[in-house]
Amino acid sequence: MVSTYRVAVLGARGVGKSAIVRQFLYNEFSEVCVPTTARRLYLPAVVMNGHVHDLQILDFPPISAFPVNTLQEWADTCCRGLRSVHAYILVYDICCFDSFEYVKTIRQQILETRVIGTSETPIIIVGNKRDLQRGRVIPRWNVSHLVRKTWKCGYVECSAKYNWHILLLFSELLKSVGCARCKHVHAAGGAWGLRRPRGHAPPPGRGKRPRAARGSVPVTTRSAPLLSAPGWLPLVL
């Protein structure tokens, strides 16, 4: 049985959320920052531990506030589908304090607008641009402790530019949305959580650029609600 998960990716302008998605799907990165102005839908399939999972990745432009109800959600075309996802990925730039404050605000609004009596939707906080570690504005330990211990959310740092911890991020995502078959995939002790064809890549700034994972084939990328074209192949994790 194929599981389907809808995932919303949110973040302030310029944090690299679209770059993370494109690195995951296409193994590509552009130095040119093109602002996201409209909601985009990506429809990849991933194979993890021999099981297929369909992902519906919704890449949203920066929003001023999380919609408080369904009426407000559908009144703004940029927010449509935002309240009905299975998980949220909130991305910030580790070199920009304001982008972390944005994530902090959006997370709080998500919790405040959650329907009473429903299960809590998983939230993963992502610190992007790890390759710019020297420009970090908040110590990693402080952020990790706040997110994991206080917020009770998942936390991953990555580099969309060097494809570092991108697969780990989506591995954690599948675990957070209740993928029981993937629960033995761990991220502790420096493990990358996903197998790569030839060893593993060093952290950004150390050694050569990581090799792109094999088996990933571009899926149709259109604005919602179009479906992917026939003939796509699954992205193997």
C-alpha atoms as a PDB file:
ATOM      1  CA  MET A   1       0.000   0.000   0.000  1.00  0.00           C
ATOM      2  CA  VAL A   2       1.341   3.417  -1.013  1.00  0.00           C
ATOM      3  CA  SER A   3       1.185   6.111   1.673  1.00  0.00           C
ATOM      4  CA  THR A   4       0.554   9.708   0.653  1.00  0.00           C
ATOM      5  CA  TYR A   5       1.780  12.642   2.734  1.00  0.00           C
ATOM      6  CA  ARG A   6       1.122  16.340   2.140  1.00  0.00           C
ATOM      7  CA  VAL A   7       3.943  18.564   3.360  1.00  0.00           C
ATOM      8  CA  ALA A   8       4.054  22.362   3.586  1.00  0.00           C
ATOM      9  CA  VAL A   9       7.386  24.185   3.327  1.00  0.00           C
ATOM     10  CA  LEU A  10       7.398  27.653   4.884  1.00  0.00           C
ATOM     11  CA  GLY A  11      10.020  30.272   5.590  1.00  0.00           C
ATOM     12  CA  ALA A  12      10.989  33.905   5.215  1.00  0.00           C
ATOM     13  CA  ARG A  13      12.291  35.269   1.944  1.00  0.00           C
ATOM     14  CA  GLY A  14      15.777  34.151   0.945  1.00  0.00           C
ATOM     15  CA  VAL A  15      16.201  31.317   3.466  1.00  0.00           C
ATOM     16  CA  GLY A  16      16.554  28.692   0.723  1.00  0.00           C
ATOM     17  CA  LYS A  17      13.391  26.643   1.212  1.00  0.00           C
ATOM     18  CA  SER A  18      12.819  26.261  -2.529  1.00  0.00           C
ATOM     19  CA  ALA A  19      16.501  25.404  -2.960  1.00  0.00           C
ATOM     20  CA  ILE A  20      16.108  22.577  -0.435  1.00  0.00           C
ATOM     21  CA  VAL A  21      13.161  21.142  -2.344  1.00  0.00           C
ATOM     22  CA  ARG A  22      14.902  21.385  -5.710  1.00  0.00           C
ATOM     23  CA  GLN A  23      18.081  19.852  -4.340  1.00  0.00           C
ATOM     24  CA  PHE A  24      16.041  16.945  -2.997  1.00  0.00           C
ATOM     25  CA  LEU A  25      14.174  16.410  -6.272  1.00  0.00           C
ATOM     26  CA  TYR A  26      16.657  17.380  -8.962  1.00  0.00           C
ATOM     27  CA  ASN A  27      20.078  17.367  -7.280  1.00  0.00           C
ATOM     28  CA  GLU A  28      20.654  20.927  -8.445  1.00  0.00           C
ATOM     29  CA  PHE A  29      21.405  24.302  -6.876  1.00  0.00           C
ATOM     30  CA  SER A  30      21.356  27.794  -8.353  1.00  0.00           C
ATOM     31  CA  GLU A  31      23.344  30.706  -6.941  1.00  0.00           C
ATOM     32  CA  VAL A  32      20.649  33.043  -8.245  1.00  0.00           C
ATOM     33  CA  CYS A  33      17.902  33.644  -5.697  1.00  0.00           C
ATOM     34  CA  VAL A  34      14.483  33.713  -7.362  1.00  0.00           C
ATOM     35  CA  PRO A  35      11.773  34.699  -4.850  1.00  0.00           C
ATOM     36  CA  THR A  36       8.792  32.371  -4.586  1.00  0.00           C
ATOM     37  CA  THR A  37       5.701  34.412  -5.450  1.00  0.00           C
ATOM     38  CA  ALA A  38       3.094  31.666  -5.800  1.00  0.00           C
ATOM     39  CA  ARG A  39       2.382  28.303  -4.255  1.00  0.00           C
ATOM     40  CA  ARG A  40       4.076  25.408  -6.035  1.00  0.00           C
ATOM     41  CA  LEU A  41       3.279  21.731  -5.856  1.00  0.00           C
ATOM     42  CA  TYR A  42       5.864  18.960  -6.279  1.00  0.00           C
ATOM     43  CA  LEU A  43       4.758  15.335  -6.564  1.00  0.00           C
ATOM     44  CA  PRO A  44       7.680  12.938  -6.062  1.00  0.00           C
ATOM     45  CA  ALA A  45       7.531   9.346  -4.916  1.00  0.00           C
ATOM     46  CA  VAL A  46      10.191   8.040  -2.554  1.00  0.00           C
ATOM     47  CA  VAL A  47      11.259   4.489  -1.865  1.00  0.00           C
ATOM     48  CA  MET A  48      12.520   3.906   1.648  1.00  0.00           C
ATOM     49  CA  ASN A  49      13.291   0.481   3.077  1.00  0.00           C
ATOM     50  CA  GLY A  50      11.514  -1.131   0.153  1.00  0.00           C
ATOM     51  CA  HIS A  51       8.262   0.782   0.606  1.00  0.00           C
ATOM     52  CA  VAL A  52       6.881   3.482  -1.696  1.00  0.00           C
ATOM     53  CA  HIS A  53       5.563   6.767  -0.329  1.00  0.00           C
ATOM     54  CA  ASP A  54       3.986   9.552  -2.360  1.00  0.00           C
ATOM     55  CA  LEU A  55       4.849  13.078  -1.252  1.00  0.00           C
ATOM     56  CA  GLN A  56       2.899  16.192  -2.090  1.00  0.00           C
ATOM     57  CA  ILE A  57       5.357  18.970  -1.308  1.00  0.00           C
ATOM     58  CA  LEU A  58       3.754  22.413  -1.188  1.00  0.00           C
ATOM     59  CA  ASP A  59       6.299  25.225  -1.438  1.00  0.00           C
ATOM     60  CA  PHE A  60       4.603  28.379  -0.168  1.00  0.00           C
ATOM     61  CA  PRO A  61       5.763  31.979  -0.636  1.00  0.00           C
ATOM     62  CA  PRO A  62       6.380  33.929   2.579  1.00  0.00           C
ATOM     63  CA  ILE A  63       3.065  34.519   4.346  1.00  0.00           C
ATOM     64  CA  SER A  64       2.302  37.381   6.707  1.00  0.00           C
ATOM     65  CA  ALA A  65       0.310  35.157   9.053  1.00  0.00           C
ATOM     66  CA  PHE A  66      -0.960  31.601   9.273  1.00  0.00           C
ATOM     67  CA  PRO A  67      -4.679  31.408   8.318  1.00  0.00           C
ATOM     68  CA  VAL A  68      -6.830  31.119  11.428  1.00  0.00           C
ATOM     69  CA  ASN A  69      -9.669  29.255   9.713  1.00  0.00           C
ATOM     70  CA  THR A  70     -10.631  27.536   6.474  1.00  0.00           C
ATOM     71  CA  LEU A  71     -12.376  30.632   5.116  1.00  0.00           C
ATOM     72  CA  GLN A  72      -9.231  32.719   5.467  1.00  0.00           C
ATOM     73  CA  GLU A  73      -7.145  29.882   4.066  1.00  0.00           C
ATOM     74  CA  TRP A  74      -9.100  29.689   0.814  1.00  0.00           C
ATOM     75  CA  ALA A  75      -9.572  33.443   0.499  1.00  0.00           C
ATOM     76  CA  ASP A  76      -5.839  33.801  -0.165  1.00  0.00           C
ATOM     77  CA  THR A  77      -4.609  31.742  -3.125  1.00  0.00           C
ATOM     78  CA  CYS A  78      -1.125  31.564  -1.611  1.00  0.00           C
ATOM     79  CA  CYS A  79      -2.443  29.821   1.510  1.00  0.00           C
ATOM     80  CA  ARG A  80      -4.743  27.236  -0.025  1.00  0.00           C
ATOM     81  CA  GLY A  81      -4.167  23.785   1.399  1.00  0.00           C
ATOM     82  CA  LEU A  82      -1.962  25.084   4.194  1.00  0.00           C
ATOM     83  CA  ARG A  83      -4.147  23.891   7.075  1.00  0.00           C
ATOM     84  CA  SER A  84      -4.736  20.359   5.773  1.00  0.00           C
ATOM     85  CA  VAL A  85      -1.172  19.062   5.450  1.00  0.00           C
ATOM     86  CA  HIS A  86       0.338  16.143   7.363  1.00  0.00           C
ATOM     87  CA  ALA A  87       3.537  17.985   8.348  1.00  0.00           C
ATOM     88  CA  TYR A  88       5.222  21.381   8.262  1.00  0.00           C
ATOM     89  CA  ILE A  89       8.831  22.139   7.363  1.00  0.00           C
ATOM     90  CA  LEU A  90       9.786  25.577   8.703  1.00  0.00           C
ATOM     91  CA  VAL A  91      13.063  26.818   7.236  1.00  0.00           C
ATOM     92  CA  TYR A  92      15.294  29.590   8.551  1.00  0.00           C
ATOM     93  CA  ASP A  93      18.728  30.930   7.633  1.00  0.00           C
ATOM     94  CA  ILE A  94      21.271  30.219  10.382  1.00  0.00           C
ATOM     95  CA  CYS A  95      22.913  33.557   9.509  1.00  0.00           C
ATOM     96  CA  CYS A  96      19.720  35.597   9.837  1.00  0.00           C
ATOM     97  CA  PHE A  97      18.099  36.148  13.224  1.00  0.00           C
ATOM     98  CA  ASP A  98      14.938  37.646  11.717  1.00  0.00           C
ATOM     99  CA  SER A  99      14.293  34.476   9.714  1.00  0.00           C
ATOM    100  CA  PHE A 100      14.366  32.457  12.941  1.00  0.00           C
ATOM    101  CA  GLU A 101      11.924  34.880  14.551  1.00  0.00           C
ATOM    102  CA  TYR A 102       9.665  34.383  11.531  1.00  0.00           C
ATOM    103  CA  VAL A 103       9.734  30.614  12.030  1.00  0.00           C
ATOM    104  CA  LYS A 104       9.070  31.093  15.736  1.00  0.00           C
ATOM    105  CA  THR A 105       6.001  33.214  14.982  1.00  0.00           C
ATOM    106  CA  ILE A 106       4.579  30.900  12.317  1.00  0.00           C
ATOM    107  CA  ARG A 107       5.033  27.861  14.550  1.00  0.00           C
ATOM    108  CA  GLN A 108       3.142  29.549  17.376  1.00  0.00           C
ATOM    109  CA  GLN A 109       0.334  30.525  15.007  1.00  0.00           C
ATOM    110  CA  ILE A 110       0.093  26.939  13.730  1.00  0.00           C
ATOM    111  CA  LEU A 111      -0.363  25.703  17.286  1.00  0.00           C
ATOM    112  CA  GLU A 112      -2.919  28.393  18.134  1.00  0.00           C
ATOM    113  CA  THR A 113      -5.079  27.672  15.082  1.00  0.00           C
ATOM    114  CA  ARG A 114      -4.986  23.884  15.342  1.00  0.00           C
ATOM    115  CA  VAL A 115      -8.448  22.356  15.566  1.00  0.00           C
ATOM    116  CA  ILE A 116      -9.157  21.271  19.153  1.00  0.00           C
ATOM    117  CA  GLY A 117      -9.339  17.511  19.544  1.00  0.00           C
ATOM    118  CA  THR A 118      -7.205  16.696  16.511  1.00  0.00           C
ATOM    119  CA  SER A 119      -3.767  15.138  16.661  1.00  0.00           C
ATOM    120  CA  GLU A 120      -0.853  17.547  16.562  1.00  0.00           C
ATOM    121  CA  THR A 121       0.647  18.015  13.094  1.00  0.00           C
ATOM    122  CA  PRO A 122       4.412  17.347  13.135  1.00  0.00           C
ATOM    123  CA  ILE A 123       6.663  20.365  12.660  1.00  0.00           C
ATOM    124  CA  ILE A 124      10.307  20.134  11.620  1.00  0.00           C
ATOM    125  CA  ILE A 125      12.517  23.196  12.064  1.00  0.00           C
ATOM    126  CA  VAL A 126      15.300  23.397   9.484  1.00  0.00           C
ATOM    127  CA  GLY A 127      18.403  25.567   9.743  1.00  0.00           C
ATOM    128  CA  ASN A 128      19.662  26.055   6.182  1.00  0.00           C
ATOM    129  CA  LYS A 129      22.966  27.442   4.862  1.00  0.00           C
ATOM    130  CA  ARG A 130      25.151  25.356   7.150  1.00  0.00           C
ATOM    131  CA  ASP A 131      27.983  26.007   4.686  1.00  0.00           C
ATOM    132  CA  LEU A 132      28.003  29.575   6.069  1.00  0.00           C
ATOM    133  CA  GLN A 133      28.637  28.315   9.595  1.00  0.00           C
ATOM    134  CA  ARG A 134      31.013  31.169  10.460  1.00  0.00           C
ATOM    135  CA  GLY A 135      28.182  33.657  10.020  1.00  0.00           C
ATOM    136  CA  ARG A 136      25.834  31.868  12.410  1.00  0.00           C
ATOM    137  CA  VAL A 137      23.890  34.259  14.649  1.00  0.00           C
ATOM    138  CA  ILE A 138      22.533  31.767  17.216  1.00  0.00           C
ATOM    139  CA  PRO A 139      24.633  28.893  18.639  1.00  0.00           C
ATOM    140  CA  ARG A 140      23.484  25.544  17.307  1.00  0.00           C
ATOM    141  CA  TRP A 141      23.124  24.016  20.772  1.00  0.00           C
ATOM    142  CA  ASN A 142      20.804  26.811  21.901  1.00  0.00           C
ATOM    143  CA  VAL A 143      18.520  26.403  18.899  1.00  0.00           C
ATOM    144  CA  SER A 144      18.546  22.614  19.063  1.00  0.00           C
ATOM    145  CA  HIS A 145      17.713  22.611  22.774  1.00  0.00           C
ATOM    146  CA  LEU A 146      14.886  25.122  22.325  1.00  0.00           C
ATOM    147  CA  VAL A 147      13.347  23.297  19.362  1.00  0.00           C
ATOM    148  CA  ARG A 148      13.669  19.742  20.663  1.00  0.00           C
ATOM    149  CA  LYS A 149      13.164  20.198  24.394  1.00  0.00           C
ATOM    150  CA  THR A 150      10.795  23.152  24.596  1.00  0.00           C
ATOM    151  CA  TRP A 151       8.952  23.138  21.279  1.00  0.00           C
ATOM    152  CA  LYS A 152       8.995  19.327  20.971  1.00  0.00           C
ATOM    153  CA  CYS A 153       9.738  19.600  17.249  1.00  0.00           C
ATOM    154  CA  GLY A 154      12.257  17.909  15.011  1.00  0.00           C
ATOM    155  CA  TYR A 155      15.420  19.847  14.171  1.00  0.00           C
ATOM    156  CA  VAL A 156      17.790  19.428  11.235  1.00  0.00           C
ATOM    157  CA  GLU A 157      20.557  21.649   9.906  1.00  0.00           C
ATOM    158  CA  CYS A 158      21.425  21.343   6.238  1.00  0.00           C
ATOM    159  CA  SER A 159      23.088  22.962   3.263  1.00  0.00           C
ATOM    160  CA  ALA A 160      20.992  23.128   0.109  1.00  0.00           C
ATOM    161  CA  LYS A 161      24.060  24.354  -1.758  1.00  0.00           C
ATOM    162  CA  TYR A 162      26.164  21.279  -0.996  1.00  0.00           C
ATOM    163  CA  ASN A 163      23.342  18.734  -0.693  1.00  0.00           C
ATOM    164  CA  TRP A 164      24.313  18.147   2.944  1.00  0.00           C
ATOM    165  CA  HIS A 165      21.685  16.520   5.183  1.00  0.00           C
ATOM    166  CA  ILE A 166      18.971  17.052   2.572  1.00  0.00           C
ATOM    167  CA  LEU A 167      18.115  13.354   2.466  1.00  0.00           C
ATOM    168  CA  LEU A 168      18.337  13.217   6.247  1.00  0.00           C
ATOM    169  CA  LEU A 169      15.739  15.978   6.438  1.00  0.00           C
ATOM    170  CA  PHE A 170      13.207  14.038   4.389  1.00  0.00           C
ATOM    171  CA  SER A 171      14.035  10.853   6.261  1.00  0.00           C
ATOM    172  CA  GLU A 172      13.132  12.652   9.492  1.00  0.00           C
ATOM    173  CA  LEU A 173      10.026  13.962   7.789  1.00  0.00           C
ATOM    174  CA  LEU A 174       8.769  10.470   6.954  1.00  0.00           C
ATOM    175  CA  LYS A 175       9.406   9.334  10.508  1.00  0.00           C
ATOM    176  CA  SER A 176       7.559  12.301  11.961  1.00  0.00           C
ATOM    177  CA  VAL A 177       4.394  11.682   9.953  1.00  0.00           C
ATOM    178  CA  GLY A 178       4.081   8.183  11.306  1.00  0.00           C
ATOM    179  CA  CYS A 179       5.999   6.078   8.832  1.00  0.00           C
ATOM    180  CA  ALA A 180       6.327   3.066  11.137  1.00  0.00           C
ATOM    181  CA  ARG A 181       8.299   1.095   8.571  1.00  0.00           C
ATOM    182  CA  CYS A 182      11.018   3.752   8.661  1.00  0.00           C
ATOM    183  CA  LYS A 183      11.316   4.099  12.434  1.00  0.00           C
ATOM    184  CA  HIS A 184      14.668   2.318  12.548  1.00  0.00           C
ATOM    185  CA  VAL A 185      16.320   5.049  10.461  1.00  0.00           C
ATOM    186  CA  HIS A 186      18.331   7.070  12.958  1.00  0.00           C
ATOM    187  CA  ALA A 187      20.071  10.405  12.717  1.00  0.00           C
ATOM    188  CA  ALA A 188      22.157  10.157  15.891  1.00  0.00           C
ATOM    189  CA  GLY A 189      25.888   9.712  16.173  1.00  0.00           C
ATOM    190  CA  GLY A 190      26.605  11.436  12.878  1.00  0.00           C
ATOM    191  CA  ALA A 191      24.669   8.845  10.896  1.00  0.00           C
ATOM    192  CA  TRP A 192      23.207  10.202   7.712  1.00  0.00           C
ATOM    193  CA  GLY A 193      20.123   8.030   7.991  1.00  0.00           C
ATOM    194  CA  LEU A 194      20.097   7.189   4.284  1.00  0.00           C
ATOM    195  CA  ARG A 195      22.379   5.052   2.194  1.00  0.00           C
ATOM    196  CA  ARG A 196      24.400   6.684  -0.559  1.00  0.00           C
ATOM    197  CA  PRO A 197      25.954   4.902  -3.531  1.00  0.00           C
ATOM    198  CA  ARG A 198      29.575   5.685  -2.705  1.00  0.00           C
ATOM    199  CA  GLY A 199      30.379   6.346   0.925  1.00  0.00           C
ATOM    200  CA  HIS A 200      29.090   9.553   2.467  1.00  0.00           C
ATOM    201  CA  ALA A 201      29.859  13.207   1.965  1.00  0.00           C
ATOM    202  CA  PRO A 202      31.778  15.328   4.483  1.00  0.00           C
ATOM    203  CA  PRO A 203      30.119  18.306   6.162  1.00  0.00           C
ATOM    204  CA  PRO A 204      30.112  21.573   4.183  1.00  0.00           C
ATOM    205  CA  GLY A 205      33.480  23.247   4.033  1.00  0.00           C
ATOM    206  CA  ARG A 206      35.401  20.024   4.605  1.00  0.00           C
ATOM    207  CA  GLY A 207      36.636  18.120   1.637  1.00  0.00           C
ATOM    208  CA  LYS A 208      34.966  17.761  -1.707  1.00  0.00           C
ATOM    209  CA  ARG A 209      31.408  18.551  -2.615  1.00  0.00           C
ATOM    210  CA  PRO A 210      29.037  15.643  -1.869  1.00  0.00           C
ATOM    211  CA  ARG A 211      28.051  13.387  -4.708  1.00  0.00           C
ATOM    212  CA  ALA A 212      24.418  13.578  -5.720  1.00  0.00           C
ATOM    213  CA  ALA A 213      22.365  10.549  -4.812  1.00  0.00           C
ATOM    214  CA  ARG A 214      21.474   8.210  -7.639  1.00  0.00           C
ATOM    215  CA  GLY A 215      18.008   7.192  -8.611  1.00  0.00           C
ATOM    216  CA  SER A 216      16.411  10.618  -8.356  1.00  0.00           C
ATOM    217  CA  VAL A 217      14.512  11.579 -11.476  1.00  0.00           C
ATOM    218  CA  PRO A 218      12.798  14.959 -11.903  1.00  0.00           C
ATOM    219  CA  VAL A 219       9.053  14.828 -11.438  1.00  0.00           C
ATOM    220  CA  THR A 220       6.606  17.161 -13.067  1.00  0.00           C
ATOM    221  CA  THR A 221       6.690  20.508 -11.326  1.00  0.00           C
ATOM    222  CA  ARG A 222       3.583  22.568 -11.844  1.00  0.00           C
ATOM    223  CA  SER A 223       1.480  24.821  -9.740  1.00  0.00           C
ATOM    224  CA  ALA A 224      -1.251  23.070  -7.825  1.00  0.00           C
ATOM    225  CA  PRO A 225      -3.478  21.232  -8.400  1.00  0.00           C
ATOM    226  CA  LEU A 226      -1.983  19.584 -11.506  1.00  0.00           C
ATOM    227  CA  LEU A 227      -0.794  15.988 -11.190  1.00  0.00           C
ATOM    228  CA  SER A 228       2.527  14.590 -12.287  1.00  0.00           C
ATOM    229  CA  ALA A 229       2.773  13.344 -15.831  1.00  0.00           C
ATOM    230  CA  PRO A 230       2.893   9.584 -16.500  1.00  0.00           C
ATOM    231  CA  GLY A 231       6.245   7.953 -16.863  1.00  0.00           C
ATOM    232  CA  TRP A 232       7.953   9.354 -13.772  1.00  0.00           C
ATOM    233  CA  LEU A 233      10.233   7.118 -11.754  1.00  0.00           C
ATOM    234  CA  PRO A 234      10.424   6.909  -7.969  1.00  0.00           C
ATOM    235  CA  LEU A 235      13.122   8.736  -6.062  1.00  0.00           C
ATOM    236  CA  VAL A 236      15.013   6.064  -4.159  1.00  0.00           C
ATOM    237  CA  LEU A 237      16.188   6.859  -0.629  1.00  0.00           C
END
